[in-house]
Amino acid sequence: MRFSNNLVGLLNLLTLILSIPILGGGIWLSHRAHTDCEKFLEKPIIAIGVILLLISLAGLIGSCCRVNFLLWVYLLVMFLLIVLLFCFTVFAFVVTNKGAGEALDGKGYKEYRLGDYSHWLQKRVTNAKNWDRIRSCLVDGKVCKSLENETQTTVAEFYAKNLSPIQSGCCKPPTDCGFQYVSPTVWDVGTTNSTDSDCALWNNNQSELCFSCQSCKAGVLQNIKTDWKKVAIVNIIFLIFLIMVYTVGCCAFRNNRIDNSGWKQPYA
């Protein structure tokens, strides 16, 4: 068997082995999911597992058993995957280009405003159905739990903290509200002259806090922006790898055609 066929077979065998725990994890999660956040993850994980399983089987059988049709399907899917991955990478850089936290005097953290981010990202969190699911994930994930437990933290210590974007946007009221500090997640509302709509949405109830605030949505978008940029960089590396695999797959496909035609050619 030629080198390119061996290499494609080996790569797809590894992918096949990888797809089994991914698929199993998705099925396990579907039986264990109780929250909207967990249920939201199960279908994509199962879909990824099934797709990897089918693609790897097509590539493995096509290269090792010299089945041209399956190898052709494998190469077609790989080509579409390369195009989609390239488009997603460019899209990720474009939609995450806007938006940054606002540094505050005397504060160790930044605050975030929804209007600073791209309109496409804003639409994702302003959609009520989407936000209900995200909010459920935030509450279930107890993103403010570490702050809730710091009841002895002084106001000076709190202002010096380096809060994450989600903690800054969801676990405390905006600074413009002028509320009096009691503890990291409890504030004396009193009266405020601020025109910020988030001030009226703040609630000292630990399951409410500022989870309905625009600042919370902005904090989530800042996290998404950071994560997507990291994913886009990984995608570039993965894209180069896929192009290399696709090239080797094309060599294997050519070898199959030559062998099936009965021609004698040097090994690739």
C-alpha atoms as a PDB file:
ATOM      1  CA  MET A   1       0.000   0.000   0.000  1.00  0.00           C
ATOM      2  CA  ARG A   2       1.353   3.437  -0.885  1.00  0.00           C
ATOM      3  CA  PHE A   3       2.663   5.915   1.700  1.00  0.00           C
ATOM      4  CA  SER A   4      -0.106   8.503   1.166  1.00  0.00           C
ATOM      5  CA  ASN A   5      -2.801   5.844   1.612  1.00  0.00           C
ATOM      6  CA  ASN A   6      -1.112   4.613   4.785  1.00  0.00           C
ATOM      7  CA  LEU A   7      -0.876   8.130   6.189  1.00  0.00           C
ATOM      8  CA  VAL A   8      -4.524   8.975   5.441  1.00  0.00           C
ATOM      9  CA  GLY A   9      -5.573   5.648   6.972  1.00  0.00           C
ATOM     10  CA  LEU A  10      -3.537   6.291  10.126  1.00  0.00           C
ATOM     11  CA  LEU A  11      -4.876   9.846  10.563  1.00  0.00           C
ATOM     12  CA  ASN A  12      -8.450   8.670  10.157  1.00  0.00           C
ATOM     13  CA  LEU A  13      -7.932   5.788  12.561  1.00  0.00           C
ATOM     14  CA  LEU A  14      -6.829   8.323  15.189  1.00  0.00           C
ATOM     15  CA  THR A  15      -9.859  10.506  14.373  1.00  0.00           C
ATOM     16  CA  LEU A  16     -12.142   7.458  14.656  1.00  0.00           C
ATOM     17  CA  ILE A  17     -10.738   6.656  18.100  1.00  0.00           C
ATOM     18  CA  LEU A  18     -11.162  10.313  19.141  1.00  0.00           C
ATOM     19  CA  SER A  19     -14.799  10.433  17.976  1.00  0.00           C
ATOM     20  CA  ILE A  20     -15.866   7.563  20.266  1.00  0.00           C
ATOM     21  CA  PRO A  21     -15.324   9.356  23.623  1.00  0.00           C
ATOM     22  CA  ILE A  22     -16.793  12.591  22.161  1.00  0.00           C
ATOM     23  CA  LEU A  23     -19.941  10.760  21.051  1.00  0.00           C
ATOM     24  CA  GLY A  24     -20.085   8.859  24.342  1.00  0.00           C
ATOM     25  CA  GLY A  25     -19.715  12.106  26.296  1.00  0.00           C
ATOM     26  CA  GLY A  26     -22.606  13.667  24.389  1.00  0.00           C
ATOM     27  CA  ILE A  27     -24.868  10.657  25.012  1.00  0.00           C
ATOM     28  CA  TRP A  28     -23.885  10.623  28.709  1.00  0.00           C
ATOM     29  CA  LEU A  29     -24.644  14.333  28.986  1.00  0.00           C
ATOM     30  CA  SER A  30     -28.059  13.869  27.330  1.00  0.00           C
ATOM     31  CA  HIS A  31     -29.020  11.466  30.121  1.00  0.00           C
ATOM     32  CA  ARG A  32     -27.559  13.613  32.892  1.00  0.00           C
ATOM     33  CA  ALA A  33     -28.582  17.103  31.720  1.00  0.00           C
ATOM     34  CA  HIS A  34     -30.970  18.904  34.056  1.00  0.00           C
ATOM     35  CA  THR A  35     -30.389  22.584  33.276  1.00  0.00           C
ATOM     36  CA  ASP A  36     -30.887  24.547  30.041  1.00  0.00           C
ATOM     37  CA  CYS A  37     -27.148  25.167  29.963  1.00  0.00           C
ATOM     38  CA  GLU A  38     -26.311  21.460  30.010  1.00  0.00           C
ATOM     39  CA  LYS A  39     -29.077  20.615  27.505  1.00  0.00           C
ATOM     40  CA  PHE A  40     -27.722  23.301  25.168  1.00  0.00           C
ATOM     41  CA  LEU A  41     -24.360  21.476  25.001  1.00  0.00           C
ATOM     42  CA  GLU A  42     -25.546  17.898  24.420  1.00  0.00           C
ATOM     43  CA  LYS A  43     -26.745  18.183  20.792  1.00  0.00           C
ATOM     44  CA  PRO A  44     -23.616  19.929  19.408  1.00  0.00           C
ATOM     45  CA  ILE A  45     -21.350  17.391  21.158  1.00  0.00           C
ATOM     46  CA  ILE A  46     -23.312  14.415  19.757  1.00  0.00           C
ATOM     47  CA  ALA A  47     -23.345  16.023  16.280  1.00  0.00           C
ATOM     48  CA  ILE A  48     -19.563  16.572  16.348  1.00  0.00           C
ATOM     49  CA  GLY A  49     -19.016  12.970  17.467  1.00  0.00           C
ATOM     50  CA  VAL A  50     -21.232  11.526  14.696  1.00  0.00           C
ATOM     51  CA  ILE A  51     -19.655  13.721  11.991  1.00  0.00           C
ATOM     52  CA  LEU A  52     -16.106  12.796  13.055  1.00  0.00           C
ATOM     53  CA  LEU A  53     -17.082   9.119  13.157  1.00  0.00           C
ATOM     54  CA  LEU A  54     -18.586   9.123   9.648  1.00  0.00           C
ATOM     55  CA  ILE A  55     -15.793  11.187   8.074  1.00  0.00           C
ATOM     56  CA  SER A  56     -13.053   9.058   9.619  1.00  0.00           C
ATOM     57  CA  LEU A  57     -14.778   5.838   8.504  1.00  0.00           C
ATOM     58  CA  ALA A  58     -15.075   7.149   4.954  1.00  0.00           C
ATOM     59  CA  GLY A  59     -11.407   8.187   4.891  1.00  0.00           C
ATOM     60  CA  LEU A  60     -10.201   4.963   6.532  1.00  0.00           C
ATOM     61  CA  ILE A  61     -12.128   2.584   4.251  1.00  0.00           C
ATOM     62  CA  GLY A  62     -11.530   4.726   1.180  1.00  0.00           C
ATOM     63  CA  SER A  63      -7.743   4.846   1.624  1.00  0.00           C
ATOM     64  CA  CYS A  64      -7.053   1.364   3.006  1.00  0.00           C
ATOM     65  CA  CYS A  65      -9.608  -0.613   0.965  1.00  0.00           C
ATOM     66  CA  ARG A  66      -9.131   1.458  -2.193  1.00  0.00           C
ATOM     67  CA  VAL A  67     -12.804   2.481  -2.363  1.00  0.00           C
ATOM     68  CA  ASN A  68     -12.673   5.523  -4.621  1.00  0.00           C
ATOM     69  CA  PHE A  69     -16.224   6.693  -3.989  1.00  0.00           C
ATOM     70  CA  LEU A  70     -15.753   6.889  -0.202  1.00  0.00           C
ATOM     71  CA  LEU A  71     -12.413   8.641  -0.594  1.00  0.00           C
ATOM     72  CA  TRP A  72     -14.035  11.124  -2.986  1.00  0.00           C
ATOM     73  CA  VAL A  73     -16.785  11.826  -0.417  1.00  0.00           C
ATOM     74  CA  TYR A  74     -14.096  12.205   2.262  1.00  0.00           C
ATOM     75  CA  LEU A  75     -12.153  14.724   0.167  1.00  0.00           C
ATOM     76  CA  LEU A  76     -15.332  16.653  -0.670  1.00  0.00           C
ATOM     77  CA  VAL A  77     -16.258  16.953   3.014  1.00  0.00           C
ATOM     78  CA  MET A  78     -12.677  17.953   3.871  1.00  0.00           C
ATOM     79  CA  PHE A  79     -12.737  20.654   1.190  1.00  0.00           C
ATOM     80  CA  LEU A  80     -16.048  22.041   2.489  1.00  0.00           C
ATOM     81  CA  LEU A  81     -14.671  21.928   6.042  1.00  0.00           C
ATOM     82  CA  ILE A  82     -11.587  23.913   4.983  1.00  0.00           C
ATOM     83  CA  VAL A  83     -13.758  26.552   3.296  1.00  0.00           C
ATOM     84  CA  LEU A  84     -16.142  26.811   6.269  1.00  0.00           C
ATOM     85  CA  LEU A  85     -13.274  26.995   8.756  1.00  0.00           C
ATOM     86  CA  PHE A  86     -11.596  29.724   6.737  1.00  0.00           C
ATOM     87  CA  CYS A  87     -14.837  31.728   6.530  1.00  0.00           C
ATOM     88  CA  PHE A  88     -15.504  31.303  10.255  1.00  0.00           C
ATOM     89  CA  THR A  89     -11.980  32.433  11.145  1.00  0.00           C
ATOM     90  CA  VAL A  90     -12.316  35.602   9.066  1.00  0.00           C
ATOM     91  CA  PHE A  91     -15.813  36.198  10.469  1.00  0.00           C
ATOM     92  CA  ALA A  92     -14.572  35.734  14.063  1.00  0.00           C
ATOM     93  CA  PHE A  93     -11.872  38.376  13.591  1.00  0.00           C
ATOM     94  CA  VAL A  94     -14.361  40.808  12.005  1.00  0.00           C
ATOM     95  CA  VAL A  95     -17.149  40.562  14.626  1.00  0.00           C
ATOM     96  CA  THR A  96     -14.740  40.673  17.578  1.00  0.00           C
ATOM     97  CA  ASN A  97     -12.824  43.682  16.264  1.00  0.00           C
ATOM     98  CA  LYS A  98     -14.991  46.178  18.188  1.00  0.00           C
ATOM     99  CA  GLY A  99     -15.506  46.459  21.942  1.00  0.00           C
ATOM    100  CA  ALA A 100     -13.238  46.956  24.922  1.00  0.00           C
ATOM    101  CA  GLY A 101     -13.615  47.578  28.612  1.00  0.00           C
ATOM    102  CA  GLU A 102     -13.573  51.079  30.084  1.00  0.00           C
ATOM    103  CA  ALA A 103     -10.836  51.616  32.677  1.00  0.00           C
ATOM    104  CA  LEU A 104     -12.049  53.437  35.798  1.00  0.00           C
ATOM    105  CA  ASP A 105      -9.989  55.700  38.050  1.00  0.00           C
ATOM    106  CA  GLY A 106      -9.095  53.992  41.314  1.00  0.00           C
ATOM    107  CA  LYS A 107     -10.590  50.653  40.226  1.00  0.00           C
ATOM    108  CA  GLY A 108      -8.754  47.415  39.507  1.00  0.00           C
ATOM    109  CA  TYR A 109     -11.495  46.272  37.122  1.00  0.00           C
ATOM    110  CA  LYS A 110     -13.047  47.569  33.924  1.00  0.00           C
ATOM    111  CA  GLU A 111     -16.708  48.129  33.052  1.00  0.00           C
ATOM    112  CA  TYR A 112     -18.317  47.162  29.778  1.00  0.00           C
ATOM    113  CA  ARG A 113     -21.055  48.740  27.632  1.00  0.00           C
ATOM    114  CA  LEU A 114     -23.197  46.746  25.225  1.00  0.00           C
ATOM    115  CA  GLY A 115     -23.179  49.448  22.528  1.00  0.00           C
ATOM    116  CA  ASP A 116     -19.401  49.142  22.114  1.00  0.00           C
ATOM    117  CA  TYR A 117     -19.667  45.712  20.480  1.00  0.00           C
ATOM    118  CA  SER A 118     -20.563  44.690  16.924  1.00  0.00           C
ATOM    119  CA  HIS A 119     -24.268  44.727  16.030  1.00  0.00           C
ATOM    120  CA  TRP A 120     -24.149  41.009  15.181  1.00  0.00           C
ATOM    121  CA  LEU A 121     -22.927  40.111  18.671  1.00  0.00           C
ATOM    122  CA  GLN A 122     -25.406  42.509  20.277  1.00  0.00           C
ATOM    123  CA  LYS A 123     -28.302  40.788  18.522  1.00  0.00           C
ATOM    124  CA  ARG A 124     -27.228  37.429  19.947  1.00  0.00           C
ATOM    125  CA  VAL A 125     -27.632  38.623  23.560  1.00  0.00           C
ATOM    126  CA  THR A 126     -30.554  41.004  23.123  1.00  0.00           C
ATOM    127  CA  ASN A 127     -32.674  38.131  21.798  1.00  0.00           C
ATOM    128  CA  ALA A 128     -34.817  37.151  24.795  1.00  0.00           C
ATOM    129  CA  LYS A 129     -34.663  33.403  24.146  1.00  0.00           C
ATOM    130  CA  ASN A 130     -30.875  33.426  23.755  1.00  0.00           C
ATOM    131  CA  TRP A 131     -30.364  35.539  26.847  1.00  0.00           C
ATOM    132  CA  ASP A 132     -32.620  33.346  29.002  1.00  0.00           C
ATOM    133  CA  ARG A 133     -30.397  30.397  28.141  1.00  0.00           C
ATOM    134  CA  ILE A 134     -27.183  32.346  28.773  1.00  0.00           C
ATOM    135  CA  ARG A 135     -28.570  33.747  32.028  1.00  0.00           C
ATOM    136  CA  SER A 136     -29.434  30.217  33.130  1.00  0.00           C
ATOM    137  CA  CYS A 137     -25.824  29.163  32.451  1.00  0.00           C
ATOM    138  CA  LEU A 138     -24.476  32.091  34.464  1.00  0.00           C
ATOM    139  CA  VAL A 139     -26.730  31.344  37.442  1.00  0.00           C
ATOM    140  CA  ASP A 140     -26.045  27.584  37.299  1.00  0.00           C
ATOM    141  CA  GLY A 141     -22.318  28.258  36.943  1.00  0.00           C
ATOM    142  CA  LYS A 142     -22.404  30.434  40.097  1.00  0.00           C
ATOM    143  CA  VAL A 143     -20.166  33.054  38.502  1.00  0.00           C
ATOM    144  CA  CYS A 144     -20.684  35.399  41.459  1.00  0.00           C
ATOM    145  CA  LYS A 145     -20.229  32.781  44.181  1.00  0.00           C
ATOM    146  CA  SER A 146     -16.656  33.754  45.019  1.00  0.00           C
ATOM    147  CA  LEU A 147     -17.745  37.363  45.555  1.00  0.00           C
ATOM    148  CA  GLU A 148     -20.791  36.363  47.623  1.00  0.00           C
ATOM    149  CA  ASN A 149     -18.515  34.646  50.132  1.00  0.00           C
ATOM    150  CA  GLU A 150     -16.319  37.735  50.638  1.00  0.00           C
ATOM    151  CA  THR A 151     -18.616  39.450  53.122  1.00  0.00           C
ATOM    152  CA  GLN A 152     -15.670  40.853  55.100  1.00  0.00           C
ATOM    153  CA  THR A 153     -14.071  42.546  52.082  1.00  0.00           C
ATOM    154  CA  THR A 154     -13.777  46.318  52.550  1.00  0.00           C
ATOM    155  CA  VAL A 155     -14.805  48.764  49.851  1.00  0.00           C
ATOM    156  CA  ALA A 156     -11.147  49.661  49.173  1.00  0.00           C
ATOM    157  CA  GLU A 157     -10.228  45.996  48.779  1.00  0.00           C
ATOM    158  CA  PHE A 158     -13.189  45.422  46.470  1.00  0.00           C
ATOM    159  CA  TYR A 159     -12.353  48.380  44.216  1.00  0.00           C
ATOM    160  CA  ALA A 160      -8.793  47.065  43.899  1.00  0.00           C
ATOM    161  CA  LYS A 161      -9.956  43.653  42.683  1.00  0.00           C
ATOM    162  CA  ASN A 162      -9.254  42.517  39.132  1.00  0.00           C
ATOM    163  CA  LEU A 163     -12.754  41.281  38.305  1.00  0.00           C
ATOM    164  CA  SER A 164     -13.484  39.226  35.205  1.00  0.00           C
ATOM    165  CA  PRO A 165     -15.737  40.870  32.576  1.00  0.00           C
ATOM    166  CA  ILE A 166     -18.706  38.722  33.681  1.00  0.00           C
ATOM    167  CA  GLN A 167     -18.143  39.467  37.373  1.00  0.00           C
ATOM    168  CA  SER A 168     -17.849  43.178  36.632  1.00  0.00           C
ATOM    169  CA  GLY A 169     -21.007  43.247  34.514  1.00  0.00           C
ATOM    170  CA  CYS A 170     -23.239  40.728  36.299  1.00  0.00           C
ATOM    171  CA  CYS A 171     -22.246  40.638  39.976  1.00  0.00           C
ATOM    172  CA  LYS A 172     -22.270  44.335  40.873  1.00  0.00           C
ATOM    173  CA  PRO A 173     -24.152  47.476  39.795  1.00  0.00           C
ATOM    174  CA  PRO A 174     -22.501  49.949  37.372  1.00  0.00           C
ATOM    175  CA  THR A 175     -20.347  52.584  39.058  1.00  0.00           C
ATOM    176  CA  ASP A 176     -22.502  55.360  37.539  1.00  0.00           C
ATOM    177  CA  CYS A 177     -25.404  54.272  39.759  1.00  0.00           C
ATOM    178  CA  GLY A 178     -23.587  55.617  42.823  1.00  0.00           C
ATOM    179  CA  PHE A 179     -24.896  52.876  45.140  1.00  0.00           C
ATOM    180  CA  GLN A 180     -23.293  52.495  48.558  1.00  0.00           C
ATOM    181  CA  TYR A 181     -21.098  49.437  49.066  1.00  0.00           C
ATOM    182  CA  VAL A 182     -22.166  46.898  51.709  1.00  0.00           C
ATOM    183  CA  SER A 183     -20.443  43.757  50.364  1.00  0.00           C
ATOM    184  CA  PRO A 184     -19.307  42.695  46.862  1.00  0.00           C
ATOM    185  CA  THR A 185     -22.814  41.507  45.903  1.00  0.00           C
ATOM    186  CA  VAL A 186     -24.932  43.617  48.282  1.00  0.00           C
ATOM    187  CA  TRP A 187     -25.358  47.359  47.729  1.00  0.00           C
ATOM    188  CA  ASP A 188     -27.465  50.040  49.401  1.00  0.00           C
ATOM    189  CA  VAL A 189     -29.560  51.303  46.513  1.00  0.00           C
ATOM    190  CA  GLY A 190     -31.001  54.517  47.965  1.00  0.00           C
ATOM    191  CA  THR A 191     -31.684  57.152  45.319  1.00  0.00           C
ATOM    192  CA  THR A 192     -29.681  57.751  42.178  1.00  0.00           C
ATOM    193  CA  ASN A 193     -29.504  60.481  39.542  1.00  0.00           C
ATOM    194  CA  SER A 194     -27.968  58.141  36.974  1.00  0.00           C
ATOM    195  CA  THR A 195     -29.746  57.679  33.636  1.00  0.00           C
ATOM    196  CA  ASP A 196     -28.247  54.198  33.265  1.00  0.00           C
ATOM    197  CA  SER A 197     -31.174  51.757  32.892  1.00  0.00           C
ATOM    198  CA  ASP A 198     -29.144  49.058  34.678  1.00  0.00           C
ATOM    199  CA  CYS A 199     -29.514  50.943  37.974  1.00  0.00           C
ATOM    200  CA  ALA A 200     -33.221  50.076  38.091  1.00  0.00           C
ATOM    201  CA  LEU A 201     -32.481  46.433  37.228  1.00  0.00           C
ATOM    202  CA  TRP A 202     -30.037  45.811  40.074  1.00  0.00           C
ATOM    203  CA  ASN A 203     -31.365  43.472  42.767  1.00  0.00           C
ATOM    204  CA  ASN A 204     -29.595  42.347  45.953  1.00  0.00           C
ATOM    205  CA  ASN A 205     -31.236  38.929  45.610  1.00  0.00           C
ATOM    206  CA  GLN A 206     -28.264  36.634  44.910  1.00  0.00           C
ATOM    207  CA  SER A 207     -30.121  34.862  42.105  1.00  0.00           C
ATOM    208  CA  GLU A 208     -30.929  38.174  40.408  1.00  0.00           C
ATOM    209  CA  LEU A 209     -28.094  40.702  40.983  1.00  0.00           C
ATOM    210  CA  CYS A 210     -27.437  42.327  37.592  1.00  0.00           C
ATOM    211  CA  PHE A 211     -28.089  39.263  35.417  1.00  0.00           C
ATOM    212  CA  SER A 212     -30.730  41.208  33.466  1.00  0.00           C
ATOM    213  CA  CYS A 213     -28.482  44.259  32.991  1.00  0.00           C
ATOM    214  CA  GLN A 214     -26.998  45.508  29.736  1.00  0.00           C
ATOM    215  CA  SER A 215     -23.617  45.527  31.498  1.00  0.00           C
ATOM    216  CA  CYS A 216     -23.946  41.777  32.121  1.00  0.00           C
ATOM    217  CA  LYS A 217     -24.627  41.176  28.426  1.00  0.00           C
ATOM    218  CA  ALA A 218     -21.598  43.314  27.607  1.00  0.00           C
ATOM    219  CA  GLY A 219     -19.464  41.292  30.031  1.00  0.00           C
ATOM    220  CA  VAL A 220     -20.569  38.072  28.319  1.00  0.00           C
ATOM    221  CA  LEU A 221     -19.688  39.558  24.911  1.00  0.00           C
ATOM    222  CA  GLN A 222     -16.249  40.557  26.178  1.00  0.00           C
ATOM    223  CA  ASN A 223     -15.689  36.941  27.256  1.00  0.00           C
ATOM    224  CA  ILE A 224     -16.930  35.721  23.865  1.00  0.00           C
ATOM    225  CA  LYS A 225     -14.655  38.207  22.103  1.00  0.00           C
ATOM    226  CA  THR A 226     -11.605  36.981  24.038  1.00  0.00           C
ATOM    227  CA  ASP A 227     -12.484  33.313  23.537  1.00  0.00           C
ATOM    228  CA  TRP A 228     -13.279  33.701  19.836  1.00  0.00           C
ATOM    229  CA  LYS A 229      -9.934  35.373  19.162  1.00  0.00           C
ATOM    230  CA  LYS A 230      -8.171  32.452  20.845  1.00  0.00           C
ATOM    231  CA  VAL A 231     -10.305  29.998  18.839  1.00  0.00           C
ATOM    232  CA  ALA A 232      -9.531  31.874  15.610  1.00  0.00           C
ATOM    233  CA  ILE A 233      -5.778  31.512  16.237  1.00  0.00           C
ATOM    234  CA  VAL A 234      -6.220  27.773  16.921  1.00  0.00           C
ATOM    235  CA  ASN A 235      -8.352  27.559  13.757  1.00  0.00           C
ATOM    236  CA  ILE A 236      -5.510  28.951  11.658  1.00  0.00           C
ATOM    237  CA  ILE A 237      -3.192  26.201  12.916  1.00  0.00           C
ATOM    238  CA  PHE A 238      -5.924  23.566  12.408  1.00  0.00           C
ATOM    239  CA  LEU A 239      -6.619  24.965   8.928  1.00  0.00           C
ATOM    240  CA  ILE A 240      -2.974  24.471   7.920  1.00  0.00           C
ATOM    241  CA  PHE A 241      -3.163  20.886   9.253  1.00  0.00           C
ATOM    242  CA  LEU A 242      -6.393  20.187   7.317  1.00  0.00           C
ATOM    243  CA  ILE A 243      -4.866  21.510   4.085  1.00  0.00           C
ATOM    244  CA  MET A 244      -1.905  19.160   4.564  1.00  0.00           C
ATOM    245  CA  VAL A 245      -4.232  16.201   5.220  1.00  0.00           C
ATOM    246  CA  TYR A 246      -6.364  17.182   2.203  1.00  0.00           C
ATOM    247  CA  THR A 247      -3.237  17.262   0.004  1.00  0.00           C
ATOM    248  CA  VAL A 248      -2.177  13.790   1.184  1.00  0.00           C
ATOM    249  CA  GLY A 249      -5.765  12.589   0.640  1.00  0.00           C
ATOM    250  CA  CYS A 250      -5.641  13.836  -2.945  1.00  0.00           C
ATOM    251  CA  CYS A 251      -2.444  11.806  -3.457  1.00  0.00           C
ATOM    252  CA  ALA A 252      -4.178   8.725  -2.039  1.00  0.00           C
ATOM    253  CA  PHE A 253      -7.157   9.297  -4.362  1.00  0.00           C
ATOM    254  CA  ARG A 254      -4.834   9.574  -7.329  1.00  0.00           C
ATOM    255  CA  ASN A 255      -3.069   6.369  -6.271  1.00  0.00           C
ATOM    256  CA  ASN A 256      -6.412   4.542  -6.070  1.00  0.00           C
ATOM    257  CA  ARG A 257      -7.346   5.643  -9.576  1.00  0.00           C
ATOM    258  CA  ILE A 258      -3.969   4.566 -10.933  1.00  0.00           C
ATOM    259  CA  ASP A 259      -4.138   1.171  -9.199  1.00  0.00           C
ATOM    260  CA  ASN A 260      -7.743   0.589 -10.260  1.00  0.00           C
ATOM    261  CA  SER A 261      -6.747   1.353 -13.847  1.00  0.00           C
ATOM    262  CA  GLY A 262      -3.950  -1.174 -13.664  1.00  0.00           C
ATOM    263  CA  TRP A 263      -1.233   1.378 -14.380  1.00  0.00           C
ATOM    264  CA  LYS A 264       2.240   0.970 -12.900  1.00  0.00           C
ATOM    265  CA  GLN A 265       3.476   4.188 -11.378  1.00  0.00           C
ATOM    266  CA  PRO A 266       6.201   4.971  -8.835  1.00  0.00           C
ATOM    267  CA  TYR A 267       5.093   5.009  -5.207  1.00  0.00           C
ATOM    268  CA  ALA A 268       4.029   8.410  -3.813  1.00  0.00           C
END
